[in-house]
């Protein structure tokens, strides 16, 4: 069973996203905050808060191997798939990003009544 994705345009270009010195920024799509990270000329979308203690992920950093590191307890997550890489067993929600001719889009699962079951 596949999940339906709603694609939302978030910028015309990467320069519009306003990346901080740590190569991350926060956007809002349909009332949901999402962190966008830039690593090796690619964009990645992931949760605004760490699943462990709700640290703001955009206040952390992306390490040399492409893990986003939470600023609170240094838990690290693979920027591509959200898997915890420091062994604590948590999972960081990720969002697909697409660069298209007319801009940059993020995909968010559509909310339906049946998502709760």
PDB file of N, CA and C in Angstrom:
ATOM      1  N   UNK A   1       0.846  -1.177   0.000  1.00  0.00           N
ATOM      2  CA  UNK A   1       0.000   0.000   0.000  1.00  0.00           C
ATOM      3  C   UNK A   1       0.894   1.244   0.000  1.00  0.00           C
ATOM      4  N   UNK A   2       0.722   2.104  -1.000  1.00  0.00           N
ATOM      5  CA  UNK A   2       1.545   3.302  -1.081  1.00  0.00           C
ATOM      6  C   UNK A   2       0.813   4.483  -0.447  1.00  0.00           C
ATOM      7  N   UNK A   3       1.597   5.408   0.050  1.00  0.00           N
ATOM      8  CA  UNK A   3       1.041   6.592   0.679  1.00  0.00           C
ATOM      9  C   UNK A   3       0.994   7.709  -0.348  1.00  0.00           C
ATOM     10  N   UNK A   4      -0.064   8.492  -0.290  1.00  0.00           N
ATOM     11  CA  UNK A   4      -0.214   9.597  -1.224  1.00  0.00           C
ATOM     12  C   UNK A   4       0.590  10.795  -0.728  1.00  0.00           C
ATOM     13  N   UNK A   5       1.365  11.364  -1.632  1.00  0.00           N
ATOM     14  CA  UNK A   5       2.238  12.494  -1.311  1.00  0.00           C
ATOM     15  C   UNK A   5       1.685  13.763  -1.938  1.00  0.00           C
ATOM     16  N   UNK A   6       1.660  14.836  -1.157  1.00  0.00           N
ATOM     17  CA  UNK A   6       1.306  16.152  -1.677  1.00  0.00           C
ATOM     18  C   UNK A   6       2.600  16.934  -1.836  1.00  0.00           C
ATOM     19  N   UNK A   7       2.864  17.412  -3.052  1.00  0.00           N
ATOM     20  CA  UNK A   7       4.075  18.182  -3.330  1.00  0.00           C
ATOM     21  C   UNK A   7       3.779  19.665  -3.222  1.00  0.00           C
ATOM     22  N   UNK A   8       4.599  20.373  -2.473  1.00  0.00           N
ATOM     23  CA  UNK A   8       4.441  21.819  -2.293  1.00  0.00           C
ATOM     24  C   UNK A   8       5.723  22.528  -2.697  1.00  0.00           C
ATOM     25  N   UNK A   9       5.566  23.577  -3.471  1.00  0.00           N
ATOM     26  CA  UNK A   9       6.723  24.378  -3.869  1.00  0.00           C
ATOM     27  C   UNK A   9       7.173  25.207  -2.672  1.00  0.00           C
ATOM     28  N   UNK A  10       8.476  25.153  -2.361  1.00  0.00           N
ATOM     29  CA  UNK A  10       8.986  25.880  -1.204  1.00  0.00           C
ATOM     30  C   UNK A  10       9.914  27.037  -1.600  1.00  0.00           C
ATOM     31  N   UNK A  11      10.391  27.036  -2.831  1.00  0.00           N
ATOM     32  CA  UNK A  11      11.276  28.121  -3.288  1.00  0.00           C
ATOM     33  C   UNK A  11      11.491  28.002  -4.790  1.00  0.00           C
ATOM     34  N   UNK A  12      11.860  29.133  -5.394  1.00  0.00           N
ATOM     35  CA  UNK A  12      12.232  29.111  -6.808  1.00  0.00           C
ATOM     36  C   UNK A  12      13.645  28.569  -7.000  1.00  0.00           C
ATOM     37  N   UNK A  13      14.510  28.825  -5.991  1.00  0.00           N
ATOM     38  CA  UNK A  13      15.897  28.360  -6.063  1.00  0.00           C
ATOM     39  C   UNK A  13      16.431  28.142  -4.647  1.00  0.00           C
ATOM     40  N   UNK A  14      17.573  27.495  -4.538  1.00  0.00           N
ATOM     41  CA  UNK A  14      18.187  27.222  -3.233  1.00  0.00           C
ATOM     42  C   UNK A  14      18.544  28.506  -2.487  1.00  0.00           C
ATOM     43  N   UNK A  15      18.916  29.546  -3.215  1.00  0.00           N
ATOM     44  CA  UNK A  15      19.305  30.793  -2.558  1.00  0.00           C
ATOM     45  C   UNK A  15      18.138  31.421  -1.792  1.00  0.00           C
ATOM     46  N   UNK A  16      16.920  31.151  -2.211  1.00  0.00           N
ATOM     47  CA  UNK A  16      15.737  31.676  -1.525  1.00  0.00           C
ATOM     48  C   UNK A  16      15.491  31.004  -0.179  1.00  0.00           C
ATOM     49  N   UNK A  17      16.057  29.833   0.032  1.00  0.00           N
ATOM     50  CA  UNK A  17      15.782  29.082   1.257  1.00  0.00           C
ATOM     51  C   UNK A  17      16.440  29.691   2.491  1.00  0.00           C
ATOM     52  N   UNK A  18      17.483  30.471   2.313  1.00  0.00           N
ATOM     53  CA  UNK A  18      18.106  31.150   3.445  1.00  0.00           C
ATOM     54  C   UNK A  18      18.832  30.219   4.398  1.00  0.00           C
ATOM     55  N   UNK A  19      19.692  29.387   3.858  1.00  0.00           N
ATOM     56  CA  UNK A  19      20.453  28.459   4.698  1.00  0.00           C
ATOM     57  C   UNK A  19      21.328  29.199   5.699  1.00  0.00           C
ATOM     58  N   UNK A  20      21.389  28.659   6.911  1.00  0.00           N
ATOM     59  CA  UNK A  20      22.273  29.170   7.960  1.00  0.00           C
ATOM     60  C   UNK A  20      23.691  28.676   7.666  1.00  0.00           C
ATOM     61  N   UNK A  21      24.654  29.095   8.462  1.00  0.00           N
ATOM     62  CA  UNK A  21      26.046  28.674   8.292  1.00  0.00           C
ATOM     63  C   UNK A  21      26.200  27.156   8.408  1.00  0.00           C
ATOM     64  N   UNK A  22      25.280  26.486   9.105  1.00  0.00           N
ATOM     65  CA  UNK A  22      25.345  25.028   9.278  1.00  0.00           C
ATOM     66  C   UNK A  22      24.654  24.271   8.142  1.00  0.00           C
ATOM     67  N   UNK A  23      24.323  24.967   7.060  1.00  0.00           N
ATOM     68  CA  UNK A  23      23.674  24.387   5.879  1.00  0.00           C
ATOM     69  C   UNK A  23      22.285  23.828   6.160  1.00  0.00           C
ATOM     70  N   UNK A  24      21.567  24.452   7.080  1.00  0.00           N
ATOM     71  CA  UNK A  24      20.193  24.056   7.359  1.00  0.00           C
ATOM     72  C   UNK A  24      19.302  25.284   7.453  1.00  0.00           C
ATOM     73  N   UNK A  25      18.014  25.070   7.203  1.00  0.00           N
ATOM     74  CA  UNK A  25      17.005  26.104   7.360  1.00  0.00           C
ATOM     75  C   UNK A  25      15.685  25.431   7.716  1.00  0.00           C
ATOM     76  N   UNK A  26      14.730  26.215   8.153  1.00  0.00           N
ATOM     77  CA  UNK A  26      13.407  25.701   8.499  1.00  0.00           C
ATOM     78  C   UNK A  26      12.387  26.340   7.575  1.00  0.00           C
ATOM     79  N   UNK A  27      11.500  25.510   7.034  1.00  0.00           N
ATOM     80  CA  UNK A  27      10.407  25.999   6.201  1.00  0.00           C
ATOM     81  C   UNK A  27       9.104  25.552   6.851  1.00  0.00           C
ATOM     82  N   UNK A  28       7.994  26.101   6.378  1.00  0.00           N
ATOM     83  CA  UNK A  28       6.695  25.671   6.865  1.00  0.00           C
ATOM     84  C   UNK A  28       5.822  25.316   5.676  1.00  0.00           C
ATOM     85  N   UNK A  29       5.232  24.121   5.729  1.00  0.00           N
ATOM     86  CA  UNK A  29       4.353  23.642   4.675  1.00  0.00           C
ATOM     87  C   UNK A  29       3.063  23.168   5.327  1.00  0.00           C
ATOM     88  N   UNK A  30       1.958  23.768   4.950  1.00  0.00           N
ATOM     89  CA  UNK A  30       0.644  23.403   5.502  1.00  0.00           C
ATOM     90  C   UNK A  30       0.656  23.361   7.026  1.00  0.00           C
ATOM     91  N   UNK A  31       1.302  24.344   7.649  1.00  0.00           N
ATOM     92  CA  UNK A  31       1.335  24.423   9.099  1.00  0.00           C
ATOM     93  C   UNK A  31       2.338  23.497   9.769  1.00  0.00           C
ATOM     94  N   UNK A  32       3.129  22.776   8.984  1.00  0.00           N
ATOM     95  CA  UNK A  32       4.125  21.836   9.517  1.00  0.00           C
ATOM     96  C   UNK A  32       5.526  22.390   9.278  1.00  0.00           C
ATOM     97  N   UNK A  33       6.332  22.483  10.346  1.00  0.00           N
ATOM     98  CA  UNK A  33       7.718  22.924  10.202  1.00  0.00           C
ATOM     99  C   UNK A  33       8.578  21.740   9.776  1.00  0.00           C
ATOM    100  N   UNK A  34       9.419  21.989   8.780  1.00  0.00           N
ATOM    101  CA  UNK A  34      10.317  20.971   8.234  1.00  0.00           C
ATOM    102  C   UNK A  34      11.703  21.589   8.123  1.00  0.00           C
ATOM    103  N   UNK A  35      12.722  20.827   8.504  1.00  0.00           N
ATOM    104  CA  UNK A  35      14.101  21.283   8.346  1.00  0.00           C
ATOM    105  C   UNK A  35      14.607  20.825   6.989  1.00  0.00           C
ATOM    106  N   UNK A  36      15.270  21.719   6.286  1.00  0.00           N
ATOM    107  CA  UNK A  36      15.918  21.389   5.020  1.00  0.00           C
ATOM    108  C   UNK A  36      17.418  21.461   5.252  1.00  0.00           C
ATOM    109  N   UNK A  37      18.119  20.394   4.881  1.00  0.00           N
ATOM    110  CA  UNK A  37      19.563  20.348   5.007  1.00  0.00           C
ATOM    111  C   UNK A  37      20.213  20.240   3.639  1.00  0.00           C
ATOM    112  N   UNK A  38      21.375  20.851   3.504  1.00  0.00           N
ATOM    113  CA  UNK A  38      22.131  20.814   2.253  1.00  0.00           C
ATOM    114  C   UNK A  38      23.428  20.065   2.523  1.00  0.00           C
ATOM    115  N   UNK A  39      23.641  18.975   1.755  1.00  0.00           N
ATOM    116  CA  UNK A  39      24.844  18.174   1.928  1.00  0.00           C
ATOM    117  C   UNK A  39      25.276  17.647   0.571  1.00  0.00           C
ATOM    118  N   UNK A  40      26.527  17.875   0.206  1.00  0.00           N
ATOM    119  CA  UNK A  40      27.095  17.436  -1.077  1.00  0.00           C
ATOM    120  C   UNK A  40      26.217  17.851  -2.257  1.00  0.00           C
ATOM    121  N   UNK A  41      25.859  19.124  -2.313  1.00  0.00           N
ATOM    122  CA  UNK A  41      25.055  19.723  -3.375  1.00  0.00           C
ATOM    123  C   UNK A  41      23.657  19.114  -3.523  1.00  0.00           C
ATOM    124  N   UNK A  42      23.186  18.426  -2.499  1.00  0.00           N
ATOM    125  CA  UNK A  42      21.840  17.856  -2.528  1.00  0.00           C
ATOM    126  C   UNK A  42      21.040  18.410  -1.353  1.00  0.00           C
ATOM    127  N   UNK A  43      19.712  18.400  -1.504  1.00  0.00           N
ATOM    128  CA  UNK A  43      18.825  18.871  -0.445  1.00  0.00           C
ATOM    129  C   UNK A  43      18.092  17.692   0.183  1.00  0.00           C
ATOM    130  N   UNK A  44      17.900  17.765   1.493  1.00  0.00           N
ATOM    131  CA  UNK A  44      17.219  16.717   2.243  1.00  0.00           C
ATOM    132  C   UNK A  44      16.226  17.359   3.199  1.00  0.00           C
ATOM    133  N   UNK A  45      15.072  16.756   3.337  1.00  0.00           N
ATOM    134  CA  UNK A  45      14.062  17.248   4.260  1.00  0.00           C
ATOM    135  C   UNK A  45      13.881  16.282   5.418  1.00  0.00           C
ATOM    136  N   UNK A  46      13.758  16.824   6.627  1.00  0.00           N
ATOM    137  CA  UNK A  46      13.561  15.973   7.799  1.00  0.00           C
ATOM    138  C   UNK A  46      12.845  16.753   8.892  1.00  0.00           C
ATOM    139  N   UNK A  47      12.470  16.037   9.940  1.00  0.00           N
ATOM    140  CA  UNK A  47      11.672  16.618  11.019  1.00  0.00           C
ATOM    141  C   UNK A  47      12.317  17.854  11.626  1.00  0.00           C
ATOM    142  N   UNK A  48      11.472  18.737  12.090  1.00  0.00           N
ATOM    143  CA  UNK A  48      11.909  19.976  12.744  1.00  0.00           C
ATOM    144  C   UNK A  48      12.518  19.677  14.113  1.00  0.00           C
ATOM    145  N   UNK A  49      11.968  18.666  14.812  1.00  0.00           N
ATOM    146  CA  UNK A  49      12.433  18.345  16.162  1.00  0.00           C
ATOM    147  C   UNK A  49      12.962  16.919  16.238  1.00  0.00           C
ATOM    148  N   UNK A  50      13.950  16.728  17.087  1.00  0.00           N
ATOM    149  CA  UNK A  50      14.533  15.414  17.333  1.00  0.00           C
ATOM    150  C   UNK A  50      13.476  14.517  17.996  1.00  0.00           C
ATOM    151  N   UNK A  51      13.389  13.250  17.606  1.00  0.00           N
ATOM    152  CA  UNK A  51      12.413  12.356  18.219  1.00  0.00           C
ATOM    153  C   UNK A  51      12.745  11.982  19.662  1.00  0.00           C
ATOM    154  N   UNK A  52      13.955  12.263  20.112  1.00  0.00           N
ATOM    155  CA  UNK A  52      14.344  11.907  21.480  1.00  0.00           C
ATOM    156  C   UNK A  52      13.849  12.933  22.500  1.00  0.00           C
ATOM    157  N   UNK A  53      14.309  14.172  22.400  1.00  0.00           N
ATOM    158  CA  UNK A  53      13.972  15.175  23.407  1.00  0.00           C
ATOM    159  C   UNK A  53      13.531  16.506  22.790  1.00  0.00           C
ATOM    160  N   UNK A  54      13.084  16.454  21.543  1.00  0.00           N
ATOM    161  CA  UNK A  54      12.539  17.619  20.834  1.00  0.00           C
ATOM    162  C   UNK A  54      13.524  18.752  20.599  1.00  0.00           C
ATOM    163  N   UNK A  55      14.813  18.444  20.502  1.00  0.00           N
ATOM    164  CA  UNK A  55      15.794  19.459  20.121  1.00  0.00           C
ATOM    165  C   UNK A  55      15.493  19.959  18.717  1.00  0.00           C
ATOM    166  N   UNK A  56      15.729  21.228  18.467  1.00  0.00           N
ATOM    167  CA  UNK A  56      15.493  21.810  17.144  1.00  0.00           C
ATOM    168  C   UNK A  56      16.643  21.387  16.226  1.00  0.00           C
ATOM    169  N   UNK A  57      16.335  20.547  15.256  1.00  0.00           N
ATOM    170  CA  UNK A  57      17.375  19.964  14.413  1.00  0.00           C
ATOM    171  C   UNK A  57      18.171  21.017  13.645  1.00  0.00           C
ATOM    172  N   UNK A  58      17.541  22.103  13.234  1.00  0.00           N
ATOM    173  CA  UNK A  58      18.243  23.149  12.484  1.00  0.00           C
ATOM    174  C   UNK A  58      19.271  23.889  13.335  1.00  0.00           C
ATOM    175  N   UNK A  59      19.256  23.657  14.639  1.00  0.00           N
ATOM    176  CA  UNK A  59      20.259  24.269  15.522  1.00  0.00           C
ATOM    177  C   UNK A  59      21.448  23.333  15.741  1.00  0.00           C
ATOM    178  N   UNK A  60      21.385  22.145  15.151  1.00  0.00           N
ATOM    179  CA  UNK A  60      22.484  21.189  15.235  1.00  0.00           C
ATOM    180  C   UNK A  60      23.443  21.389  14.070  1.00  0.00           C
ATOM    181  N   UNK A  61      23.941  20.269  13.535  1.00  0.00           N
ATOM    182  CA  UNK A  61      24.855  20.360  12.399  1.00  0.00           C
ATOM    183  C   UNK A  61      24.801  19.075  11.587  1.00  0.00           C
ATOM    184  N   UNK A  62      25.344  19.146  10.377  1.00  0.00           N
ATOM    185  CA  UNK A  62      25.485  17.976   9.515  1.00  0.00           C
ATOM    186  C   UNK A  62      26.947  17.595   9.542  1.00  0.00           C
ATOM    187  N   UNK A  63      27.239  16.349   9.958  1.00  0.00           N
ATOM    188  CA  UNK A  63      28.643  15.952  10.077  1.00  0.00           C
ATOM    189  C   UNK A  63      29.229  15.546   8.725  1.00  0.00           C
ATOM    190  N   UNK A  64      30.491  15.187   8.723  1.00  0.00           N
ATOM    191  CA  UNK A  64      31.239  14.918   7.485  1.00  0.00           C
ATOM    192  C   UNK A  64      30.716  13.736   6.680  1.00  0.00           C
ATOM    193  N   UNK A  65      30.002  12.809   7.317  1.00  0.00           N
ATOM    194  CA  UNK A  65      29.491  11.643   6.589  1.00  0.00           C
ATOM    195  C   UNK A  65      28.005  11.755   6.257  1.00  0.00           C
ATOM    196  N   UNK A  66      27.406  12.912   6.512  1.00  0.00           N
ATOM    197  CA  UNK A  66      26.021  13.138   6.123  1.00  0.00           C
ATOM    198  C   UNK A  66      24.992  12.758   7.162  1.00  0.00           C
ATOM    199  N   UNK A  67      25.357  12.845   8.414  1.00  0.00           N
ATOM    200  CA  UNK A  67      24.393  12.629   9.487  1.00  0.00           C
ATOM    201  C   UNK A  67      24.028  13.977  10.076  1.00  0.00           C
ATOM    202  N   UNK A  68      22.740  14.181  10.329  1.00  0.00           N
ATOM    203  CA  UNK A  68      22.316  15.399  11.005  1.00  0.00           C
ATOM    204  C   UNK A  68      22.354  15.106  12.501  1.00  0.00           C
ATOM    205  N   UNK A  69      22.975  16.013  13.251  1.00  0.00           N
ATOM    206  CA  UNK A  69      23.229  15.796  14.673  1.00  0.00           C
ATOM    207  C   UNK A  69      22.390  16.775  15.498  1.00  0.00           C
ATOM    208  N   UNK A  70      21.627  16.239  16.441  1.00  0.00           N
ATOM    209  CA  UNK A  70      20.782  17.054  17.317  1.00  0.00           C
ATOM    210  C   UNK A  70      21.656  17.879  18.258  1.00  0.00           C
ATOM    211  N   UNK A  71      21.281  19.146  18.494  1.00  0.00           N
ATOM    212  CA  UNK A  71      22.096  19.995  19.357  1.00  0.00           C
ATOM    213  C   UNK A  71      22.000  19.644  20.851  1.00  0.00           C
ATOM    214  N   UNK A  72      20.979  18.933  21.276  1.00  0.00           N
ATOM    215  CA  UNK A  72      20.808  18.660  22.706  1.00  0.00           C
ATOM    216  C   UNK A  72      21.705  17.546  23.226  1.00  0.00           C
ATOM    217  N   UNK A  73      21.589  16.363  22.640  1.00  0.00           N
ATOM    218  CA  UNK A  73      22.325  15.204  23.163  1.00  0.00           C
ATOM    219  C   UNK A  73      23.236  14.555  22.138  1.00  0.00           C
ATOM    220  N   UNK A  74      23.387  15.195  20.995  1.00  0.00           N
ATOM    221  CA  UNK A  74      24.283  14.735  19.921  1.00  0.00           C
ATOM    222  C   UNK A  74      23.849  13.399  19.297  1.00  0.00           C
ATOM    223  N   UNK A  75      22.572  13.083  19.368  1.00  0.00           N
ATOM    224  CA  UNK A  75      22.077  11.911  18.645  1.00  0.00           C
ATOM    225  C   UNK A  75      22.187  12.233  17.158  1.00  0.00           C
ATOM    226  N   UNK A  76      22.643  11.274  16.369  1.00  0.00           N
ATOM    227  CA  UNK A  76      22.849  11.505  14.937  1.00  0.00           C
ATOM    228  C   UNK A  76      21.917  10.627  14.114  1.00  0.00           C
ATOM    229  N   UNK A  77      21.478  11.174  12.976  1.00  0.00           N
ATOM    230  CA  UNK A  77      20.545  10.492  12.090  1.00  0.00           C
ATOM    231  C   UNK A  77      21.019  10.616  10.652  1.00  0.00           C
ATOM    232  N   UNK A  78      20.895   9.536   9.891  1.00  0.00           N
ATOM    233  CA  UNK A  78      21.245   9.556   8.479  1.00  0.00           C
ATOM    234  C   UNK A  78      20.335  10.556   7.775  1.00  0.00           C
ATOM    235  N   UNK A  79      20.920  11.515   7.091  1.00  0.00           N
ATOM    236  CA  UNK A  79      20.152  12.586   6.464  1.00  0.00           C
ATOM    237  C   UNK A  79      19.279  12.077   5.315  1.00  0.00           C
ATOM    238  N   UNK A  80      19.605  10.917   4.758  1.00  0.00           N
ATOM    239  CA  UNK A  80      18.859  10.373   3.625  1.00  0.00           C
ATOM    240  C   UNK A  80      17.636   9.561   4.047  1.00  0.00           C
ATOM    241  N   UNK A  81      17.758   8.792   5.131  1.00  0.00           N
ATOM    242  CA  UNK A  81      16.656   7.893   5.489  1.00  0.00           C
ATOM    243  C   UNK A  81      16.162   8.029   6.931  1.00  0.00           C
ATOM    244  N   UNK A  82      16.785   8.877   7.735  1.00  0.00           N
ATOM    245  CA  UNK A  82      16.335   9.120   9.098  1.00  0.00           C
ATOM    246  C   UNK A  82      16.757   8.105  10.136  1.00  0.00           C
ATOM    247  N   UNK A  83      17.519   7.096   9.735  1.00  0.00           N
ATOM    248  CA  UNK A  83      17.944   6.076  10.698  1.00  0.00           C
ATOM    249  C   UNK A  83      18.947   6.646  11.691  1.00  0.00           C
ATOM    250  N   UNK A  84      18.758   6.271  12.943  1.00  0.00           N
ATOM    251  CA  UNK A  84      19.654   6.688  14.010  1.00  0.00           C
ATOM    252  C   UNK A  84      20.999   5.995  13.818  1.00  0.00           C
ATOM    253  N   UNK A  85      22.095   6.757  13.830  1.00  0.00           N
ATOM    254  CA  UNK A  85      23.419   6.185  13.572  1.00  0.00           C
ATOM    255  C   UNK A  85      24.297   6.134  14.817  1.00  0.00           C
ATOM    256  N   UNK A  86      23.776   6.603  15.951  1.00  0.00           N
ATOM    257  CA  UNK A  86      24.566   6.580  17.180  1.00  0.00           C
ATOM    258  C   UNK A  86      24.061   5.528  18.166  1.00  0.00           C
ATOM    259  N   UNK A  87      23.125   4.684  17.724  1.00  0.00           N
ATOM    260  CA  UNK A  87      22.744   3.511  18.497  1.00  0.00           C
ATOM    261  C   UNK A  87      21.608   3.632  19.485  1.00  0.00           C
ATOM    262  N   UNK A  88      20.919   4.753  19.533  1.00  0.00           N
ATOM    263  CA  UNK A  88      19.854   4.905  20.524  1.00  0.00           C
ATOM    264  C   UNK A  88      18.521   4.314  20.066  1.00  0.00           C
ATOM    265  N   UNK A  89      18.377   4.022  18.775  1.00  0.00           N
ATOM    266  CA  UNK A  89      17.173   3.363  18.276  1.00  0.00           C
ATOM    267  C   UNK A  89      16.043   4.268  17.830  1.00  0.00           C
ATOM    268  N   UNK A  90      16.252   5.566  17.795  1.00  0.00           N
ATOM    269  CA  UNK A  90      15.212   6.489  17.344  1.00  0.00           C
ATOM    270  C   UNK A  90      15.218   6.586  15.825  1.00  0.00           C
ATOM    271  N   UNK A  91      14.179   7.182  15.275  1.00  0.00           N
ATOM    272  CA  UNK A  91      14.054   7.367  13.833  1.00  0.00           C
ATOM    273  C   UNK A  91      13.582   8.790  13.575  1.00  0.00           C
ATOM    274  N   UNK A  92      14.277   9.506  12.703  1.00  0.00           N
ATOM    275  CA  UNK A  92      13.932  10.885  12.342  1.00  0.00           C
ATOM    276  C   UNK A  92      13.096  10.865  11.066  1.00  0.00           C
ATOM    277  N   UNK A  93      11.924  11.451  11.105  1.00  0.00           N
ATOM    278  CA  UNK A  93      11.049  11.518   9.934  1.00  0.00           C
ATOM    279  C   UNK A  93      11.751  12.286   8.823  1.00  0.00           C
ATOM    280  N   UNK A  94      11.687  11.751   7.607  1.00  0.00           N
ATOM    281  CA  UNK A  94      12.283  12.421   6.453  1.00  0.00           C
ATOM    282  C   UNK A  94      11.198  12.772   5.436  1.00  0.00           C
ATOM    283  N   UNK A  95      11.505  13.746   4.589  1.00  0.00           N
ATOM    284  CA  UNK A  95      10.584  14.212   3.557  1.00  0.00           C
ATOM    285  C   UNK A  95      11.335  14.287   2.236  1.00  0.00           C
ATOM    286  N   UNK A  96      10.745  13.804   1.143  1.00  0.00           N
ATOM    287  CA  UNK A  96      11.430  13.887  -0.152  1.00  0.00           C
ATOM    288  C   UNK A  96      11.489  15.328  -0.658  1.00  0.00           C
ATOM    289  N   UNK A  97      12.590  15.657  -1.305  1.00  0.00           N
ATOM    290  CA  UNK A  97      12.797  16.976  -1.912  1.00  0.00           C
ATOM    291  C   UNK A  97      13.064  16.765  -3.398  1.00  0.00           C
ATOM    292  N   UNK A  98      12.442  17.567  -4.224  1.00  0.00           N
ATOM    293  CA  UNK A  98      12.691  17.502  -5.668  1.00  0.00           C
ATOM    294  C   UNK A  98      13.057  18.883  -6.186  1.00  0.00           C
ATOM    295  N   UNK A  99      14.128  18.923  -6.992  1.00  0.00           N
ATOM    296  CA  UNK A  99      14.483  20.144  -7.714  1.00  0.00           C
ATOM    297  C   UNK A  99      13.867  19.995  -9.102  1.00  0.00           C
ATOM    298  N   UNK A 100      12.989  20.917  -9.450  1.00  0.00           N
ATOM    299  CA  UNK A 100      12.333  20.895 -10.754  1.00  0.00           C
ATOM    300  C   UNK A 100      12.704  22.163 -11.507  1.00  0.00           C
ATOM    301  N   UNK A 101      12.345  22.195 -12.776  1.00  0.00           N
ATOM    302  CA  UNK A 101      12.668  23.372 -13.596  1.00  0.00           C
ATOM    303  C   UNK A 101      12.116  24.656 -13.000  1.00  0.00           C
ATOM    304  N   UNK A 102      10.930  24.566 -12.394  1.00  0.00           N
ATOM    305  CA  UNK A 102      10.284  25.777 -11.883  1.00  0.00           C
ATOM    306  C   UNK A 102      10.516  26.012 -10.396  1.00  0.00           C
ATOM    307  N   UNK A 103      11.350  25.186  -9.746  1.00  0.00           N
ATOM    308  CA  UNK A 103      11.624  25.430  -8.336  1.00  0.00           C
ATOM    309  C   UNK A 103      11.904  24.181  -7.527  1.00  0.00           C
ATOM    310  N   UNK A 104      11.846  24.343  -6.212  1.00  0.00           N
ATOM    311  CA  UNK A 104      12.152  23.267  -5.272  1.00  0.00           C
ATOM    312  C   UNK A 104      10.863  22.883  -4.549  1.00  0.00           C
ATOM    313  N   UNK A 105      10.620  21.580  -4.472  1.00  0.00           N
ATOM    314  CA  UNK A 105       9.388  21.059  -3.884  1.00  0.00           C
ATOM    315  C   UNK A 105       9.710  20.087  -2.757  1.00  0.00           C
ATOM    316  N   UNK A 106       8.824  20.045  -1.761  1.00  0.00           N
ATOM    317  CA  UNK A 106       8.910  19.060  -0.692  1.00  0.00           C
ATOM    318  C   UNK A 106       7.628  18.229  -0.732  1.00  0.00           C
ATOM    319  N   UNK A 107       7.782  16.938  -0.474  1.00  0.00           N
ATOM    320  CA  UNK A 107       6.641  16.037  -0.453  1.00  0.00           C
ATOM    321  C   UNK A 107       6.242  15.697   0.971  1.00  0.00           C
ATOM    322  N   UNK A 108       4.954  15.860   1.269  1.00  0.00           N
ATOM    323  CA  UNK A 108       4.424  15.556   2.598  1.00  0.00           C
ATOM    324  C   UNK A 108       3.247  14.613   2.414  1.00  0.00           C
ATOM    325  N   UNK A 109       3.196  13.564   3.231  1.00  0.00           N
ATOM    326  CA  UNK A 109       2.091  12.614   3.144  1.00  0.00           C
ATOM    327  C   UNK A 109       0.787  13.336   3.407  1.00  0.00           C
ATOM    328  N   UNK A 110      -0.204  13.047   2.570  1.00  0.00           N
ATOM    329  CA  UNK A 110      -1.519  13.640   2.770  1.00  0.00           C
ATOM    330  C   UNK A 110      -2.153  13.044   4.018  1.00  0.00           C
ATOM    331  N   UNK A 111      -2.764  13.891   4.803  1.00  0.00           N
ATOM    332  CA  UNK A 111      -3.456  13.435   6.012  1.00  0.00           C
ATOM    333  C   UNK A 111      -4.873  13.018   5.652  1.00  0.00           C
ATOM    334  N   UNK A 112      -5.220  11.800   6.066  1.00  0.00           N
ATOM    335  CA  UNK A 112      -6.586  11.321   5.887  1.00  0.00           C
ATOM    336  C   UNK A 112      -7.016  10.631   7.165  1.00  0.00           C
ATOM    337  N   UNK A 113      -8.275  10.392   7.274  1.00  0.00           N
ATOM    338  CA  UNK A 113      -8.827   9.703   8.429  1.00  0.00           C
ATOM    339  C   UNK A 113      -8.142   8.339   8.612  1.00  0.00           C
ATOM    340  N   UNK A 114      -7.838   7.674   7.509  1.00  0.00           N
ATOM    341  CA  UNK A 114      -7.287   6.324   7.562  1.00  0.00           C
ATOM    342  C   UNK A 114      -5.820   6.280   7.962  1.00  0.00           C
ATOM    343  N   UNK A 115      -5.127   7.422   8.013  1.00  0.00           N
ATOM    344  CA  UNK A 115      -3.734   7.455   8.471  1.00  0.00           C
ATOM    345  C   UNK A 115      -3.615   7.069   9.933  1.00  0.00           C
ATOM    346  N   UNK A 116      -4.700   7.128  10.666  1.00  0.00           N
ATOM    347  CA  UNK A 116      -4.669   6.859  12.106  1.00  0.00           C
ATOM    348  C   UNK A 116      -4.794   5.381  12.434  1.00  0.00           C
ATOM    349  N   UNK A 117      -5.004   4.538  11.431  1.00  0.00           N
ATOM    350  CA  UNK A 117      -5.183   3.095  11.676  1.00  0.00           C
ATOM    351  C   UNK A 117      -4.041   2.301  11.115  1.00  0.00           C
TER     352      UNK A 117
END
